[in-house]
PDB file of N, CA and C in Angstrom:
ATOM      1  N   MET A   1     126.015  62.189 134.145  1.00  0.00           N
ATOM      2  CA  MET A   1     124.866  63.041 133.917  1.00  0.00           C
ATOM      3  C   MET A   1     125.354  64.352 133.285  1.00  0.00           C
ATOM      4  N   THR A   2     124.674  64.809 132.271  1.00  0.00           N
ATOM      5  CA  THR A   2     125.086  66.027 131.585  1.00  0.00           C
ATOM      6  C   THR A   2     124.673  67.265 132.377  1.00  0.00           C
ATOM      7  N   GLU A   3     125.273  68.394 132.025  1.00  0.00           N
ATOM      8  CA  GLU A   3     124.891  69.661 132.665  1.00  0.00           C
ATOM      9  C   GLU A   3     123.408  69.932 132.466  1.00  0.00           C
ATOM     10  N   GLN A   4     122.920  69.682 131.260  1.00  0.00           N
ATOM     11  CA  GLN A   4     121.512  69.939 130.964  1.00  0.00           C
ATOM     12  C   GLN A   4     120.603  69.080 131.835  1.00  0.00           C
ATOM     13  N   GLN A   5     120.966  67.824 132.026  1.00  0.00           N
ATOM     14  CA  GLN A   5     120.173  66.939 132.882  1.00  0.00           C
ATOM     15  C   GLN A   5     120.192  67.419 134.330  1.00  0.00           C
ATOM     16  N   LEU A   6     121.355  67.862 134.788  1.00  0.00           N
ATOM     17  CA  LEU A   6     121.442  68.380 136.153  1.00  0.00           C
ATOM     18  C   LEU A   6     120.596  69.641 136.304  1.00  0.00           C
ATOM     19  N   LEU A   7     120.739  70.562 135.360  1.00  0.00           N
ATOM     20  CA  LEU A   7     119.993  71.822 135.463  1.00  0.00           C
ATOM     21  C   LEU A   7     118.490  71.608 135.354  1.00  0.00           C
ATOM     22  N   ALA A   8     118.060  70.532 134.718  1.00  0.00           N
ATOM     23  CA  ALA A   8     116.625  70.224 134.628  1.00  0.00           C
ATOM     24  C   ALA A   8     116.039  69.874 135.995  1.00  0.00           C
ATOM     25  N   ARG A   9     116.899  69.577 136.962  1.00  0.00           N
ATOM     26  CA  ARG A   9     116.437  69.273 138.323  1.00  0.00           C
ATOM     27  C   ARG A   9     116.068  70.533 139.099  1.00  0.00           C
ATOM     28  N   ILE A  10     116.458  71.691 138.581  1.00  0.00           N
ATOM     29  CA  ILE A  10     116.170  72.970 139.238  1.00  0.00           C
ATOM     30  C   ILE A  10     115.051  73.659 138.454  1.00  0.00           C
ATOM     31  N   VAL A  11     114.004  74.046 139.163  1.00  0.00           N
ATOM     32  CA  VAL A  11     112.855  74.675 138.505  1.00  0.00           C
ATOM     33  C   VAL A  11     112.496  75.986 139.197  1.00  0.00           C
ATOM     34  N   LEU A  12     111.820  76.840 138.416  1.00  0.00           N
ATOM     35  CA  LEU A  12     111.321  78.113 138.931  1.00  0.00           C
ATOM     36  C   LEU A  12     109.815  78.137 138.718  1.00  0.00           C
ATOM     37  N   ASN A  13     109.085  78.407 139.780  1.00  0.00           N
ATOM     38  CA  ASN A  13     107.638  78.506 139.687  1.00  0.00           C
ATOM     39  C   ASN A  13     107.205  79.629 140.613  1.00  0.00           C
ATOM     40  N   PRO A  14     106.574  80.681 140.080  1.00  0.00           N
ATOM     41  CA  PRO A  14     106.189  81.810 140.924  1.00  0.00           C
ATOM     42  C   PRO A  14     105.272  81.423 142.086  1.00  0.00           C
ATOM     43  N   LYS A  15     104.631  80.255 141.986  1.00  0.00           N
ATOM     44  CA  LYS A  15     103.720  79.809 143.049  1.00  0.00           C
ATOM     45  C   LYS A  15     104.420  78.977 144.121  1.00  0.00           C
ATOM     46  N   VAL A  16     105.694  78.681 143.911  1.00  0.00           N
ATOM     47  CA  VAL A  16     106.450  77.869 144.872  1.00  0.00           C
ATOM     48  C   VAL A  16     107.615  78.688 145.391  1.00  0.00           C
ATOM     49  N   MET A  17     107.664  78.876 146.682  1.00  0.00           N
ATOM     50  CA  MET A  17     108.755  79.590 147.351  1.00  0.00           C
ATOM     51  C   MET A  17     109.033  80.950 146.704  1.00  0.00           C
ATOM     52  N   ALA A  18     107.967  81.655 146.371  1.00  0.00           N
ATOM     53  CA  ALA A  18     108.041  83.011 145.804  1.00  0.00           C
ATOM     54  C   ALA A  18     108.882  83.066 144.520  1.00  0.00           C
ATOM     55  N   GLY A  19     108.905  81.962 143.787  1.00  0.00           N
ATOM     56  CA  GLY A  19     109.612  81.949 142.518  1.00  0.00           C
ATOM     57  C   GLY A  19     111.101  81.697 142.605  1.00  0.00           C
ATOM     58  N   LYS A  20     111.608  81.397 143.799  1.00  0.00           N
ATOM     59  CA  LYS A  20     113.038  81.083 143.923  1.00  0.00           C
ATOM     60  C   LYS A  20     113.311  79.737 143.265  1.00  0.00           C
ATOM     61  N   PRO A  21     114.530  79.537 142.765  1.00  0.00           N
ATOM     62  CA  PRO A  21     114.860  78.233 142.186  1.00  0.00           C
ATOM     63  C   PRO A  21     114.835  77.152 143.267  1.00  0.00           C
ATOM     64  N   VAL A  22     114.130  76.063 142.969  1.00  0.00           N
ATOM     65  CA  VAL A  22     114.004  74.944 143.906  1.00  0.00           C
ATOM     66  C   VAL A  22     114.372  73.648 143.210  1.00  0.00           C
ATOM     67  N   ILE A  23     114.661  72.646 144.012  1.00  0.00           N
ATOM     68  CA  ILE A  23     114.884  71.310 143.482  1.00  0.00           C
ATOM     69  C   ILE A  23     113.524  70.757 143.075  1.00  0.00           C
ATOM     70  N   LYS A  24     113.434  70.299 141.845  1.00  0.00           N
ATOM     71  CA  LYS A  24     112.182  69.818 141.276  1.00  0.00           C
ATOM     72  C   LYS A  24     111.497  68.815 142.207  1.00  0.00           C
ATOM     73  N   GLY A  25     110.214  69.038 142.428  1.00  0.00           N
ATOM     74  CA  GLY A  25     109.434  68.140 143.268  1.00  0.00           C
ATOM     75  C   GLY A  25     109.553  68.410 144.754  1.00  0.00           C
ATOM     76  N   THR A  26     110.264  69.491 145.114  1.00  0.00           N
ATOM     77  CA  THR A  26     110.434  69.831 146.532  1.00  0.00           C
ATOM     78  C   THR A  26     110.155  71.314 146.734  1.00  0.00           C
ATOM     79  N   ARG A  27     110.219  71.724 147.971  1.00  0.00           N
ATOM     80  CA  ARG A  27     110.167  73.137 148.306  1.00  0.00           C
ATOM     81  C   ARG A  27     111.531  73.578 148.867  1.00  0.00           C
ATOM     82  N   LEU A  28     112.553  72.816 148.548  1.00  0.00           N
ATOM     83  CA  LEU A  28     113.912  73.130 148.996  1.00  0.00           C
ATOM     84  C   LEU A  28     114.573  74.018 147.962  1.00  0.00           C
ATOM     85  N   THR A  29     114.924  75.232 148.381  1.00  0.00           N
ATOM     86  CA  THR A  29     115.540  76.168 147.447  1.00  0.00           C
ATOM     87  C   THR A  29     117.026  75.869 147.270  1.00  0.00           C
ATOM     88  N   VAL A  30     117.525  76.270 146.116  1.00  0.00           N
ATOM     89  CA  VAL A  30     118.957  76.176 145.855  1.00  0.00           C
ATOM     90  C   VAL A  30     119.701  76.951 146.944  1.00  0.00           C
ATOM     91  N   GLU A  31     119.195  78.117 147.269  1.00  0.00           N
ATOM     92  CA  GLU A  31     119.806  78.953 148.306  1.00  0.00           C
ATOM     93  C   GLU A  31     119.915  78.210 149.633  1.00  0.00           C
ATOM     94  N   TYR A  32     118.869  77.503 150.019  1.00  0.00           N
ATOM     95  CA  TYR A  32     118.859  76.773 151.280  1.00  0.00           C
ATOM     96  C   TYR A  32     119.931  75.675 151.285  1.00  0.00           C
ATOM     97  N   ILE A  33     120.002  74.911 150.203  1.00  0.00           N
ATOM     98  CA  ILE A  33     120.996  73.836 150.124  1.00  0.00           C
ATOM     99  C   ILE A  33     122.411  74.404 150.156  1.00  0.00           C
ATOM    100  N   LEU A  34     122.642  75.483 149.409  1.00  0.00           N
ATOM    101  CA  LEU A  34     123.972  76.108 149.410  1.00  0.00           C
ATOM    102  C   LEU A  34     124.318  76.647 150.796  1.00  0.00           C
ATOM    103  N   ASN A  35     123.333  77.189 151.474  1.00  0.00           N
ATOM    104  CA  ASN A  35     123.559  77.705 152.827  1.00  0.00           C
ATOM    105  C   ASN A  35     123.939  76.574 153.782  1.00  0.00           C
ATOM    106  N   LEU A  36     123.273  75.437 153.665  1.00  0.00           N
ATOM    107  CA  LEU A  36     123.640  74.287 154.498  1.00  0.00           C
ATOM    108  C   LEU A  36     125.098  73.898 154.254  1.00  0.00           C
ATOM    109  N   LEU A  37     125.476  73.816 152.981  1.00  0.00           N
ATOM    110  CA  LEU A  37     126.857  73.456 152.644  1.00  0.00           C
ATOM    111  C   LEU A  37     127.843  74.506 153.148  1.00  0.00           C
ATOM    112  N   ALA A  38     127.489  75.769 152.993  1.00  0.00           N
ATOM    113  CA  ALA A  38     128.382  76.858 153.420  1.00  0.00           C
ATOM    114  C   ALA A  38     128.594  76.863 154.925  1.00  0.00           C
ATOM    115  N   HIS A  39     127.621  76.351 155.656  1.00  0.00           N
ATOM    116  CA  HIS A  39     127.732  76.331 157.117  1.00  0.00           C
ATOM    117  C   HIS A  39     128.238  74.987 157.642  1.00  0.00           C
ATOM    118  N   GLY A  40     128.801  74.183 156.732  1.00  0.00           N
ATOM    119  CA  GLY A  40     129.506  72.987 157.178  1.00  0.00           C
ATOM    120  C   GLY A  40     128.759  71.674 157.071  1.00  0.00           C
ATOM    121  N   ALA A  41     127.518  71.688 156.628  1.00  0.00           N
ATOM    122  CA  ALA A  41     126.812  70.415 156.463  1.00  0.00           C
ATOM    123  C   ALA A  41     127.451  69.644 155.322  1.00  0.00           C
ATOM    124  N   THR A  42     127.568  68.355 155.496  1.00  0.00           N
ATOM    125  CA  THR A  42     128.113  67.519 154.430  1.00  0.00           C
ATOM    126  C   THR A  42     126.975  67.054 153.529  1.00  0.00           C
ATOM    127  N   VAL A  43     127.339  66.612 152.348  1.00  0.00           N
ATOM    128  CA  VAL A  43     126.334  66.077 151.432  1.00  0.00           C
ATOM    129  C   VAL A  43     125.615  64.908 152.102  1.00  0.00           C
ATOM    130  N   SER A  44     126.360  64.054 152.772  1.00  0.00           N
ATOM    131  CA  SER A  44     125.761  62.902 153.460  1.00  0.00           C
ATOM    132  C   SER A  44     124.757  63.339 154.516  1.00  0.00           C
ATOM    133  N   GLU A  45     125.097  64.374 155.275  1.00  0.00           N
ATOM    134  CA  GLU A  45     124.177  64.871 156.302  1.00  0.00           C
ATOM    135  C   GLU A  45     122.893  65.423 155.679  1.00  0.00           C
ATOM    136  N   ILE A  46     123.033  66.139 154.580  1.00  0.00           N
ATOM    137  CA  ILE A  46     121.854  66.700 153.911  1.00  0.00           C
ATOM    138  C   ILE A  46     120.977  65.568 153.372  1.00  0.00           C
ATOM    139  N   LEU A  47     121.596  64.577 152.761  1.00  0.00           N
ATOM    140  CA  LEU A  47     120.833  63.448 152.217  1.00  0.00           C
ATOM    141  C   LEU A  47     120.135  62.663 153.324  1.00  0.00           C
ATOM    142  N   GLU A  48     120.784  62.575 154.468  1.00  0.00           N
ATOM    143  CA  GLU A  48     120.181  61.879 155.606  1.00  0.00           C
ATOM    144  C   GLU A  48     118.971  62.658 156.135  1.00  0.00           C
ATOM    145  N   GLU A  49     119.078  63.974 156.176  1.00  0.00           N
ATOM    146  CA  GLU A  49     117.999  64.830 156.677  1.00  0.00           C
ATOM    147  C   GLU A  49     116.822  64.900 155.711  1.00  0.00           C
ATOM    148  N   TYR A  50     117.122  64.827 154.418  1.00  0.00           N
ATOM    149  CA  TYR A  50     116.092  64.931 153.379  1.00  0.00           C
ATOM    150  C   TYR A  50     116.169  63.695 152.481  1.00  0.00           C
ATOM    151  N   PRO A  51     115.535  62.597 152.909  1.00  0.00           N
ATOM    152  CA  PRO A  51     115.673  61.313 152.211  1.00  0.00           C
ATOM    153  C   PRO A  51     115.258  61.332 150.734  1.00  0.00           C
ATOM    154  N   GLY A  52     114.418  62.251 150.318  1.00  0.00           N
ATOM    155  CA  GLY A  52     114.000  62.305 148.920  1.00  0.00           C
ATOM    156  C   GLY A  52     115.038  62.894 147.986  1.00  0.00           C
ATOM    157  N   LEU A  53     116.062  63.526 148.554  1.00  0.00           N
ATOM    158  CA  LEU A  53     117.104  64.150 147.727  1.00  0.00           C
ATOM    159  C   LEU A  53     118.135  63.130 147.276  1.00  0.00           C
ATOM    160  N   THR A  54     118.822  63.492 146.205  1.00  0.00           N
ATOM    161  CA  THR A  54     119.918  62.662 145.713  1.00  0.00           C
ATOM    162  C   THR A  54     121.183  63.510 145.627  1.00  0.00           C
ATOM    163  N   ARG A  55     122.306  62.851 145.485  1.00  0.00           N
ATOM    164  CA  ARG A  55     123.570  63.570 145.298  1.00  0.00           C
ATOM    165  C   ARG A  55     123.495  64.454 144.059  1.00  0.00           C
ATOM    166  N   GLU A  56     122.810  63.975 143.045  1.00  0.00           N
ATOM    167  CA  GLU A  56     122.667  64.752 141.813  1.00  0.00           C
ATOM    168  C   GLU A  56     121.875  66.037 142.053  1.00  0.00           C
ATOM    169  N   ASP A  57     120.905  66.006 142.968  1.00  0.00           N
ATOM    170  CA  ASP A  57     120.147  67.219 143.304  1.00  0.00           C
ATOM    171  C   ASP A  57     121.076  68.277 143.896  1.00  0.00           C
ATOM    172  N   ILE A  58     121.954  67.848 144.776  1.00  0.00           N
ATOM    173  CA  ILE A  58     122.889  68.783 145.398  1.00  0.00           C
ATOM    174  C   ILE A  58     123.904  69.263 144.363  1.00  0.00           C
ATOM    175  N   GLN A  59     124.365  68.369 143.524  1.00  0.00           N
ATOM    176  CA  GLN A  59     125.271  68.748 142.441  1.00  0.00           C
ATOM    177  C   GLN A  59     124.589  69.755 141.521  1.00  0.00           C
ATOM    178  N   ALA A  60     123.294  69.569 141.266  1.00  0.00           N
ATOM    179  CA  ALA A  60     122.537  70.498 140.425  1.00  0.00           C
ATOM    180  C   ALA A  60     122.472  71.881 141.060  1.00  0.00           C
ATOM    181  N   CYS A  61     122.337  71.946 142.367  1.00  0.00           N
ATOM    182  CA  CYS A  61     122.330  73.247 143.061  1.00  0.00           C
ATOM    183  C   CYS A  61     123.657  73.964 142.869  1.00  0.00           C
ATOM    184  N   LEU A  62     124.737  73.238 142.996  1.00  0.00           N
ATOM    185  CA  LEU A  62     126.064  73.836 142.811  1.00  0.00           C
ATOM    186  C   LEU A  62     126.263  74.306 141.372  1.00  0.00           C
ATOM    187  N   LEU A  63     125.837  73.504 140.424  1.00  0.00           N
ATOM    188  CA  LEU A  63     125.973  73.884 139.020  1.00  0.00           C
ATOM    189  C   LEU A  63     125.103  75.102 138.710  1.00  0.00           C
ATOM    190  N   PHE A  64     123.875  75.119 139.223  1.00  0.00           N
ATOM    191  CA  PHE A  64     122.977  76.250 138.996  1.00  0.00           C
ATOM    192  C   PHE A  64     123.616  77.536 139.527  1.00  0.00           C
ATOM    193  N   ALA A  65     124.171  77.475 140.724  1.00  0.00           N
ATOM    194  CA  ALA A  65     124.802  78.658 141.311  1.00  0.00           C
ATOM    195  C   ALA A  65     126.002  79.101 140.484  1.00  0.00           C
ATOM    196  N   THR A  66     126.778  78.153 140.010  1.00  0.00           N
ATOM    197  CA  THR A  66     127.940  78.470 139.180  1.00  0.00           C
ATOM    198  C   THR A  66     127.509  79.184 137.905  1.00  0.00           C
ATOM    199  N   LYS A  67     126.481  78.656 137.255  1.00  0.00           N
ATOM    200  CA  LYS A  67     125.980  79.266 136.025  1.00  0.00           C
ATOM    201  C   LYS A  67     125.393  80.650 136.305  1.00  0.00           C
ATOM    202  N   ALA A  68     124.698  80.787 137.415  1.00  0.00           N
ATOM    203  CA  ALA A  68     124.071  82.067 137.756  1.00  0.00           C
ATOM    204  C   ALA A  68     125.126  83.147 138.013  1.00  0.00           C
ATOM    205  N   LEU A  69     126.266  82.757 138.544  1.00  0.00           N
ATOM    206  CA  LEU A  69     127.319  83.713 138.866  1.00  0.00           C
ATOM    207  C   LEU A  69     128.298  83.962 137.720  1.00  0.00           C
ATOM    208  N   ALA A  70     128.225  83.160 136.688  1.00  0.00           N
ATOM    209  CA  ALA A  70     129.208  83.231 135.603  1.00  0.00           C
ATOM    210  C   ALA A  70     129.313  84.616 134.969  1.00  0.00           C
ATOM    211  N   ASP A  71     128.204  85.299 134.808  1.00  0.00           N
ATOM    212  CA  ASP A  71     128.215  86.606 134.151  1.00  0.00           C
ATOM    213  C   ASP A  71     127.973  87.748 135.127  1.00  0.00           C
ATOM    214  N   THR A  72     128.261  87.508 136.387  1.00  0.00           N
ATOM    215  CA  THR A  72     128.007  88.499 137.418  1.00  0.00           C
ATOM    216  C   THR A  72     129.314  89.109 137.900  1.00  0.00           C
ATOM    217  N   SER A  73     129.318  90.411 138.043  1.00  0.00           N
ATOM    218  CA  SER A  73     130.461  91.062 138.668  1.00  0.00           C
ATOM    219  C   SER A  73     130.330  90.879 140.170  1.00  0.00           C
ATOM    220  N   PHE A  74     131.411  90.536 140.798  1.00  0.00           N
ATOM    221  CA  PHE A  74     131.381  90.318 142.242  1.00  0.00           C
ATOM    222  C   PHE A  74     132.301  91.314 142.908  1.00  0.00           C
ATOM    223  N   MET A  75     131.786  91.986 143.904  1.00  0.00           N
ATOM    224  CA  MET A  75     132.567  92.950 144.655  1.00  0.00           C
ATOM    225  C   MET A  75     132.851  92.334 146.021  1.00  0.00           C
ATOM    226  N   PRO A  76     134.120  92.000 146.302  1.00  0.00           N
ATOM    227  CA  PRO A  76     134.422  91.400 147.596  1.00  0.00           C
ATOM    228  C   PRO A  76     134.064  92.333 148.754  1.00  0.00           C
ATOM    229  N   LEU A  77     133.737  91.725 149.880  1.00  0.00           N
ATOM    230  CA  LEU A  77     133.369  92.511 151.063  1.00  0.00           C
ATOM    231  C   LEU A  77     134.564  93.267 151.616  1.00  0.00           C
ATOM    232  N   ALA A  78     135.732  92.695 151.478  1.00  0.00           N
ATOM    233  CA  ALA A  78     136.952  93.376 151.948  1.00  0.00           C
ATOM    234  C   ALA A  78     138.072  93.048 150.969  1.00  0.00           C
ATOM    235  N   SER A  79     138.903  94.016 150.722  1.00  0.00           N
ATOM    236  CA  SER A  79     140.016  93.750 149.816  1.00  0.00           C
ATOM    237  C   SER A  79     141.257  93.400 150.615  1.00  0.00           C
ATOM    238  N   GLU A  80     142.069  92.564 150.039  1.00  0.00           N
ATOM    239  CA  GLU A  80     143.307  92.160 150.691  1.00  0.00           C
ATOM    240  C   GLU A  80     144.402  93.151 150.304  1.00  0.00           C
ATOM    241  N   PRO A  81     145.324  93.401 151.225  1.00  0.00           N
ATOM    242  CA  PRO A  81     146.440  94.295 150.891  1.00  0.00           C
ATOM    243  C   PRO A  81     147.307  93.655 149.806  1.00  0.00           C
ATOM    244  N   ALA A  82     147.875  94.516 148.963  1.00  0.00           N
ATOM    245  CA  ALA A  82     148.702  94.032 147.849  1.00  0.00           C
ATOM    246  C   ALA A  82     150.034  93.517 148.324  1.00  0.00           C
TER     247      ALA A  82
END
């Protein structure tokens, strides 16, 4: 699946979830899926909990986040000693 095909799975609609990016056809935000992954949920667990989702939907969330952060300056919360 191409990047464009994956990104087409993520949509923005001001009438759905206050305009946050969501997986097309759902009310599941990219943020929510990333938060599940960040807190240790596996892709299999997420797919089991949300039967309408596919692995490609989760992959699309990761790609969307990567693209969104590509041109963003990030300031770490704490710096490591040199």
